[in-house]
Amino acid sequence: MKSLYTGLGAAVTSAATFATSGAFIKPLLEAGWSPAAAVTARALTAGILLLPFVLFSLRGRWDALWRGRWRVVGMGVIAVAFTQLAYFAAIRRIPVSTALLVEYLAPLLLVIWVAVTTRRLPRPAVLAGSVLAIGGLVLVIGPGALNAVDPVGIMLAFAAAVGCAVYFVVAARPSDGLPPVALAGFGLLLGGLALAVAGLTGIVPVSMTFGDVALLGTPVPWWVPLTVVAVFGTAIAYAAGIYGSGKLGSRLASFVGLLEVVFASILAWIVVGESLTVLQMAGGVLILAGIAAIPAEPPAPAVPAEPPVPVEPVPADR
């Protein structure tokens, strides 16, 4: 039970810190930064900030990093780089609210995936929680997000949803000795480098400006919002999210991740002055109810160590 509460605390912390990204990245975008440039700088800066903690957590145990190399690749290339590129490509074609609604179908994708691979229908509690949480998501983002839009944009947003689901699956895999902060740090560095390569090769447009930006109505240096996002919305968010997924399992952690939308709405109300509607508040309650209905997955069994080979006793000389 203590492990469950610890995992829930980490997952909620991850959702809350992820929610800070939009409010603090927006000043950079308004100042002329391209989305790819902002995400690249965010990932690389966060990865560098986490590096001392990564090295301390490993303390020379590089074999754990080698054993978890495919988790690091999945986290960096798919969960960080691919998901961010797909999402930002989507919002160039469709409204942000629609892209968010499609991307945050990731928990439902995980439920469907488990049902298909195990050939068993989800438990009634999982189905009920899914209906409540997704319904709450629609209310928080706004029913207007369901309007018909560009099909290519919808496909890109769905690709981001797949990447988001992969993030929770990779994060929830047995660690095999690789600390969560190491997976987060190396994953962010790898994802940032992948995005940088995509920008340098012209796959995505990259532009930056280095003057003052408007933050909360006050001119501040460009690196101030970037640092806030790198520390809270990226480094802490990914490290806490990976730790929480390891404790809760990918399914429950993904539903807790829906709280990011709720926290983002509350942050927009406090920071930007956007009012919360009755429907949004009702949606937040439904998301909480859906999360409460989803049972936690049993932890993955540890790989048993090989038993020692019995040694035949050698008779003493007589």
Protein backbone atom coordinates (compact mmCIF):
# COMPACT_ATOMS: atom_id res chain seq x y z
CA MET A 1 0.00 0.00 0.00
CA LYS A 2 2.86 2.37 0.80
CA SER A 3 4.28 1.70 -2.68
CA LEU A 4 0.90 2.61 -4.21
CA TYR A 5 0.70 5.92 -2.37
CA THR A 6 4.33 6.74 -3.27
CA GLY A 7 3.61 5.98 -6.91
CA LEU A 8 0.45 8.08 -6.88
CA GLY A 9 2.34 10.98 -5.32
CA ALA A 10 5.04 10.78 -7.98
CA ALA A 11 2.51 10.48 -10.83
CA VAL A 12 0.48 13.47 -9.59
CA THR A 13 3.71 15.48 -9.21
CA SER A 14 4.61 14.56 -12.78
CA ALA A 15 1.19 15.68 -14.09
CA ALA A 16 1.36 18.96 -12.15
CA THR A 17 4.88 19.80 -13.33
CA PHE A 18 4.16 18.80 -16.94
CA ALA A 19 1.26 21.28 -16.81
CA THR A 20 3.67 24.19 -16.30
CA SER A 21 5.11 23.72 -19.78
CA GLY A 22 2.43 25.50 -21.76
CA ALA A 23 2.31 28.70 -19.71
CA PHE A 24 6.11 29.12 -19.76
CA ILE A 25 6.84 27.91 -23.30
CA LYS A 26 4.19 30.25 -24.75
CA PRO A 27 6.29 33.43 -24.19
CA LEU A 28 9.14 31.88 -26.19
CA LEU A 29 6.79 30.90 -29.03
CA GLU A 30 5.30 34.39 -29.08
CA ALA A 31 8.81 35.86 -29.22
CA GLY A 32 9.65 33.91 -32.39
CA TRP A 33 10.86 30.52 -31.22
CA SER A 34 9.69 27.62 -33.35
CA PRO A 35 8.07 24.71 -31.46
CA ALA A 36 10.91 22.36 -32.45
CA ALA A 37 13.53 24.79 -31.16
CA ALA A 38 11.72 25.22 -27.85
CA VAL A 39 11.32 21.46 -27.33
CA THR A 40 14.93 20.76 -28.32
CA ALA A 41 16.27 23.37 -25.90
CA ARG A 42 13.91 22.13 -23.21
CA ALA A 43 14.96 18.48 -23.54
CA LEU A 44 18.71 19.14 -23.79
CA THR A 45 18.71 21.62 -20.90
CA ALA A 46 16.74 19.25 -18.68
CA GLY A 47 19.00 16.34 -19.61
CA ILE A 48 22.10 18.36 -18.71
CA LEU A 49 20.52 19.47 -15.41
CA LEU A 50 19.77 15.84 -14.53
CA LEU A 51 23.22 14.57 -15.54
CA PRO A 52 24.90 15.00 -12.10
CA PHE A 53 22.00 13.12 -10.47
CA VAL A 54 22.22 10.46 -13.19
CA LEU A 55 25.94 9.91 -12.60
CA PHE A 56 25.43 9.79 -8.84
CA SER A 57 22.58 7.30 -9.14
CA LEU A 58 24.66 4.97 -11.31
CA ARG A 59 27.93 5.39 -9.38
CA GLY A 60 29.88 3.37 -11.91
CA ARG A 61 27.16 0.75 -12.49
CA TRP A 62 27.24 1.24 -16.26
CA ASP A 63 26.14 -2.34 -16.80
CA ALA A 64 22.64 -1.24 -15.70
CA LEU A 65 22.64 1.40 -18.43
CA TRP A 66 23.69 -1.16 -21.01
CA ARG A 67 20.95 -3.58 -19.92
CA GLY A 68 18.40 -0.77 -20.14
CA ARG A 69 19.69 0.66 -23.43
CA TRP A 70 16.51 -0.14 -25.36
CA ARG A 71 14.38 1.55 -22.70
CA VAL A 72 16.57 4.64 -23.04
CA VAL A 73 16.21 4.55 -26.84
CA GLY A 74 12.43 4.14 -26.55
CA MET A 75 12.20 6.97 -24.04
CA GLY A 76 14.39 9.35 -26.03
CA VAL A 77 13.44 8.67 -29.63
CA ILE A 78 9.74 7.82 -29.26
CA ALA A 79 8.49 9.25 -25.94
CA VAL A 80 10.40 12.55 -26.15
CA ALA A 81 11.34 13.33 -29.78
CA PHE A 82 8.66 11.55 -31.84
CA THR A 83 5.74 12.44 -29.56
CA GLN A 84 6.70 16.13 -29.37
CA LEU A 85 7.25 16.40 -33.14
CA ALA A 86 3.94 14.69 -33.90
CA TYR A 87 2.05 16.88 -31.44
CA PHE A 88 3.49 20.16 -32.70
CA ALA A 89 2.95 19.10 -36.32
CA ALA A 90 -0.66 18.36 -35.40
CA ILE A 91 -1.36 21.75 -33.83
CA ARG A 92 -0.22 23.44 -37.05
CA ARG A 93 -3.25 21.84 -38.74
CA ILE A 94 -5.89 21.44 -36.02
CA PRO A 95 -6.90 23.37 -32.88
CA VAL A 96 -4.81 22.76 -29.78
CA SER A 97 -7.87 21.52 -27.87
CA THR A 98 -8.53 18.87 -30.53
CA ALA A 99 -4.90 17.76 -30.59
CA LEU A 100 -4.88 17.45 -26.79
CA LEU A 101 -8.09 15.44 -26.80
CA VAL A 102 -6.69 12.96 -29.33
CA GLU A 103 -3.25 12.73 -27.69
CA TYR A 104 -4.73 12.05 -24.27
CA LEU A 105 -6.57 9.05 -25.61
CA ALA A 106 -3.30 7.25 -24.77
CA PRO A 107 -4.76 5.62 -21.62
CA LEU A 108 -7.62 4.21 -23.67
CA LEU A 109 -5.13 2.88 -26.23
CA LEU A 110 -3.33 1.03 -23.44
CA VAL A 111 -6.59 -0.53 -22.24
CA ILE A 112 -7.41 -1.64 -25.81
CA TRP A 113 -3.88 -2.95 -26.36
CA VAL A 114 -4.00 -5.10 -23.23
CA ALA A 115 -7.44 -6.43 -24.21
CA VAL A 116 -6.22 -7.38 -27.71
CA THR A 117 -2.94 -8.95 -26.61
CA THR A 118 -4.47 -10.91 -23.71
CA ARG A 119 -7.73 -11.66 -25.57
CA ARG A 120 -9.66 -10.78 -22.44
CA LEU A 121 -12.15 -8.00 -21.89
CA PRO A 122 -11.03 -5.37 -19.36
CA ARG A 123 -12.45 -5.64 -15.86
CA PRO A 124 -15.68 -3.66 -15.28
CA ALA A 125 -13.81 -1.23 -13.02
CA VAL A 126 -11.35 -0.47 -15.84
CA LEU A 127 -14.16 0.09 -18.36
CA ALA A 128 -16.07 2.33 -15.95
CA GLY A 129 -12.95 4.31 -15.09
CA SER A 130 -12.11 4.73 -18.78
CA VAL A 131 -15.58 6.09 -19.59
CA LEU A 132 -15.51 8.52 -16.64
CA ALA A 133 -11.97 9.75 -17.31
CA ILE A 134 -12.35 10.24 -21.07
CA GLY A 135 -15.72 11.95 -20.54
CA GLY A 136 -14.10 14.26 -18.02
CA LEU A 137 -11.30 14.96 -20.47
CA VAL A 138 -13.83 16.07 -23.09
CA LEU A 139 -15.47 18.44 -20.60
CA VAL A 140 -12.16 19.96 -19.40
CA ILE A 141 -10.79 20.54 -22.90
CA GLY A 142 -14.19 21.58 -24.25
CA PRO A 143 -16.84 19.79 -26.29
CA GLY A 144 -15.91 22.06 -29.21
CA ALA A 145 -12.76 19.98 -29.68
CA LEU A 146 -14.95 17.28 -31.26
CA ASN A 147 -15.62 19.41 -34.34
CA ALA A 148 -14.64 17.97 -37.72
CA VAL A 149 -11.10 19.04 -38.67
CA ASP A 150 -8.18 18.23 -40.95
CA PRO A 151 -7.79 14.41 -41.11
CA VAL A 152 -4.00 14.71 -41.48
CA GLY A 153 -3.88 16.73 -38.28
CA ILE A 154 -5.97 14.08 -36.53
CA MET A 155 -3.58 11.37 -37.73
CA LEU A 156 -0.60 13.33 -36.42
CA ALA A 157 -2.31 13.82 -33.06
CA PHE A 158 -3.09 10.11 -32.95
CA ALA A 159 0.60 9.42 -33.62
CA ALA A 160 1.37 11.59 -30.59
CA ALA A 161 -1.12 9.51 -28.58
CA VAL A 162 0.72 6.34 -29.58
CA GLY A 163 4.01 7.94 -28.54
CA CYS A 164 2.47 9.00 -25.23
CA ALA A 165 1.29 5.43 -24.63
CA VAL A 166 4.79 4.15 -25.40
CA TYR A 167 6.14 6.58 -22.78
CA PHE A 168 4.00 5.00 -20.05
CA VAL A 169 4.84 1.46 -21.19
CA VAL A 170 8.60 2.13 -21.29
CA ALA A 171 8.47 3.93 -17.95
CA ALA A 172 6.62 1.05 -16.30
CA ARG A 173 8.98 -1.70 -17.47
CA PRO A 174 11.06 -3.44 -14.79
CA SER A 175 14.08 -1.26 -14.09
CA ASP A 176 16.67 -4.07 -13.98
CA GLY A 177 18.89 -1.80 -11.90
CA LEU A 178 18.48 1.36 -14.02
CA PRO A 179 17.34 4.22 -11.72
CA PRO A 180 14.36 6.30 -12.92
CA VAL A 181 16.45 9.48 -12.96
CA ALA A 182 18.99 7.78 -15.24
CA LEU A 183 16.29 6.71 -17.68
CA ALA A 184 14.86 10.24 -17.63
CA GLY A 185 18.23 11.99 -18.02
CA PHE A 186 19.65 9.86 -20.82
CA GLY A 187 16.26 9.70 -22.53
CA LEU A 188 15.99 13.50 -22.56
CA LEU A 189 19.54 13.92 -23.85
CA LEU A 190 18.94 11.37 -26.61
CA GLY A 191 15.57 12.90 -27.50
CA GLY A 192 17.01 16.41 -27.55
CA LEU A 193 19.85 15.29 -29.83
CA ALA A 194 17.36 13.55 -32.15
CA LEU A 195 15.30 16.75 -32.35
CA ALA A 196 18.45 18.79 -32.99
CA VAL A 197 19.39 16.51 -35.88
CA ALA A 198 15.84 16.81 -37.25
CA GLY A 199 16.19 20.59 -37.13
CA LEU A 200 19.67 20.72 -38.68
CA THR A 201 18.60 18.46 -41.56
CA GLY A 202 15.53 20.59 -42.25
CA ILE A 203 12.94 17.98 -41.24
CA VAL A 204 11.42 20.53 -38.86
CA PRO A 205 11.86 24.34 -38.91
CA VAL A 206 14.08 25.75 -36.16
CA SER A 207 14.22 29.42 -35.17
CA MET A 208 15.27 31.15 -31.95
CA THR A 209 15.46 34.67 -30.57
CA PHE A 210 17.55 35.76 -27.61
CA GLY A 211 15.98 39.00 -26.41
CA ASP A 212 13.59 39.66 -23.55
CA VAL A 213 10.20 37.92 -23.53
CA ALA A 214 6.96 38.83 -21.76
CA LEU A 215 6.27 36.61 -18.75
CA LEU A 216 3.35 37.40 -16.45
CA GLY A 217 3.27 40.90 -17.90
CA THR A 218 6.95 41.59 -17.15
CA PRO A 219 9.91 41.54 -19.58
CA VAL A 220 12.39 38.84 -18.57
CA PRO A 221 15.44 37.27 -20.29
CA TRP A 222 14.57 34.43 -22.66
CA TRP A 223 16.36 31.87 -20.51
CA VAL A 224 14.06 32.44 -17.49
CA PRO A 225 10.95 30.66 -18.86
CA LEU A 226 13.18 28.09 -20.54
CA THR A 227 14.83 27.28 -17.20
CA VAL A 228 11.47 26.97 -15.44
CA VAL A 229 10.22 24.55 -18.09
CA ALA A 230 13.50 22.60 -18.14
CA VAL A 231 13.58 22.18 -14.36
CA PHE A 232 9.90 21.68 -13.50
CA GLY A 233 8.07 20.83 -16.74
CA THR A 234 10.74 18.46 -18.03
CA ALA A 235 13.43 17.21 -15.61
CA ILE A 236 11.21 16.75 -12.55
CA ALA A 237 8.17 15.81 -14.65
CA TYR A 238 9.89 12.98 -16.53
CA ALA A 239 11.83 11.65 -13.53
CA ALA A 240 8.72 11.64 -11.32
CA GLY A 241 6.58 10.18 -14.10
CA ILE A 242 8.98 7.29 -14.72
CA TYR A 243 9.19 6.55 -11.00
CA GLY A 244 5.40 6.69 -10.63
CA SER A 245 4.82 4.45 -13.65
CA GLY A 246 7.19 1.89 -12.21
CA LYS A 247 5.11 1.77 -9.02
CA LEU A 248 1.61 1.98 -10.55
CA GLY A 249 1.98 0.24 -13.89
CA SER A 250 1.44 1.84 -17.30
CA ARG A 251 -2.39 1.75 -17.24
CA LEU A 252 -3.07 3.52 -13.94
CA ALA A 253 -0.14 5.92 -14.45
CA SER A 254 -1.52 6.96 -17.83
CA PHE A 255 -4.92 7.77 -16.33
CA VAL A 256 -3.28 9.79 -13.54
CA GLY A 257 -1.46 11.62 -16.34
CA LEU A 258 -4.83 13.02 -17.46
CA LEU A 259 -4.59 15.32 -14.45
CA GLU A 260 -2.08 17.33 -16.47
CA VAL A 261 -5.00 18.84 -18.40
CA VAL A 262 -6.74 19.73 -15.14
CA PHE A 263 -3.60 21.29 -13.66
CA ALA A 264 -2.99 23.20 -16.90
CA SER A 265 -6.50 24.67 -16.73
CA ILE A 266 -5.98 25.70 -13.09
CA LEU A 267 -2.60 27.23 -13.97
CA ALA A 268 -4.15 29.16 -16.85
CA TRP A 269 -6.79 30.45 -14.42
CA ILE A 270 -4.17 31.59 -11.90
CA VAL A 271 -1.45 32.87 -14.25
CA VAL A 272 -3.26 34.00 -17.38
CA GLY A 273 -6.66 34.82 -15.88
CA GLU A 274 -8.63 32.32 -17.95
CA SER A 275 -11.76 31.48 -15.99
CA LEU A 276 -12.71 27.89 -15.15
CA THR A 277 -16.19 26.99 -16.36
CA VAL A 278 -18.63 24.76 -14.52
CA LEU A 279 -18.18 22.12 -17.23
CA GLN A 280 -14.40 22.15 -16.75
CA MET A 281 -14.74 21.70 -13.01
CA ALA A 282 -17.22 18.88 -13.54
CA GLY A 283 -14.79 17.32 -15.99
CA GLY A 284 -12.02 17.45 -13.40
CA VAL A 285 -14.26 15.62 -10.94
CA LEU A 286 -15.03 12.94 -13.54
CA ILE A 287 -11.32 12.44 -14.27
CA LEU A 288 -10.65 11.99 -10.56
CA ALA A 289 -13.53 9.52 -10.32
CA GLY A 290 -12.19 7.60 -13.31
CA ILE A 291 -8.70 7.41 -11.78
CA ALA A 292 -10.17 6.19 -8.49
CA ALA A 293 -12.01 3.41 -10.32
CA ILE A 294 -8.92 2.09 -12.14
CA PRO A 295 -7.22 -0.66 -10.12
CA ALA A 296 -3.45 -0.66 -9.83
CA GLU A 297 -1.57 -3.35 -11.72
CA PRO A 298 0.41 -5.90 -9.75
CA PRO A 299 4.13 -5.16 -9.88
CA ALA A 300 6.16 -7.11 -12.40
CA PRO A 301 7.74 -10.15 -10.80
CA ALA A 302 11.43 -9.86 -10.25
CA VAL A 303 13.64 -12.12 -12.30
CA PRO A 304 14.78 -14.83 -9.93
CA ALA A 305 18.48 -15.32 -9.60
CA GLU A 306 19.88 -18.62 -10.79
CA PRO A 307 20.23 -21.06 -7.89
CA PRO A 308 23.77 -22.02 -7.05
CA VAL A 309 25.00 -25.28 -8.51
CA PRO A 310 25.11 -27.90 -5.77
CA VAL A 311 28.55 -29.18 -5.04
CA GLU A 312 29.01 -32.83 -4.21
CA PRO A 313 30.68 -33.21 -0.81
CA VAL A 314 34.16 -34.59 -1.03
CA PRO A 315 34.67 -37.44 1.44
CA ALA A 316 37.45 -36.86 3.90
CA ASP A 317 40.52 -39.06 3.67
CA ARG A 318 40.47 -41.88 6.12
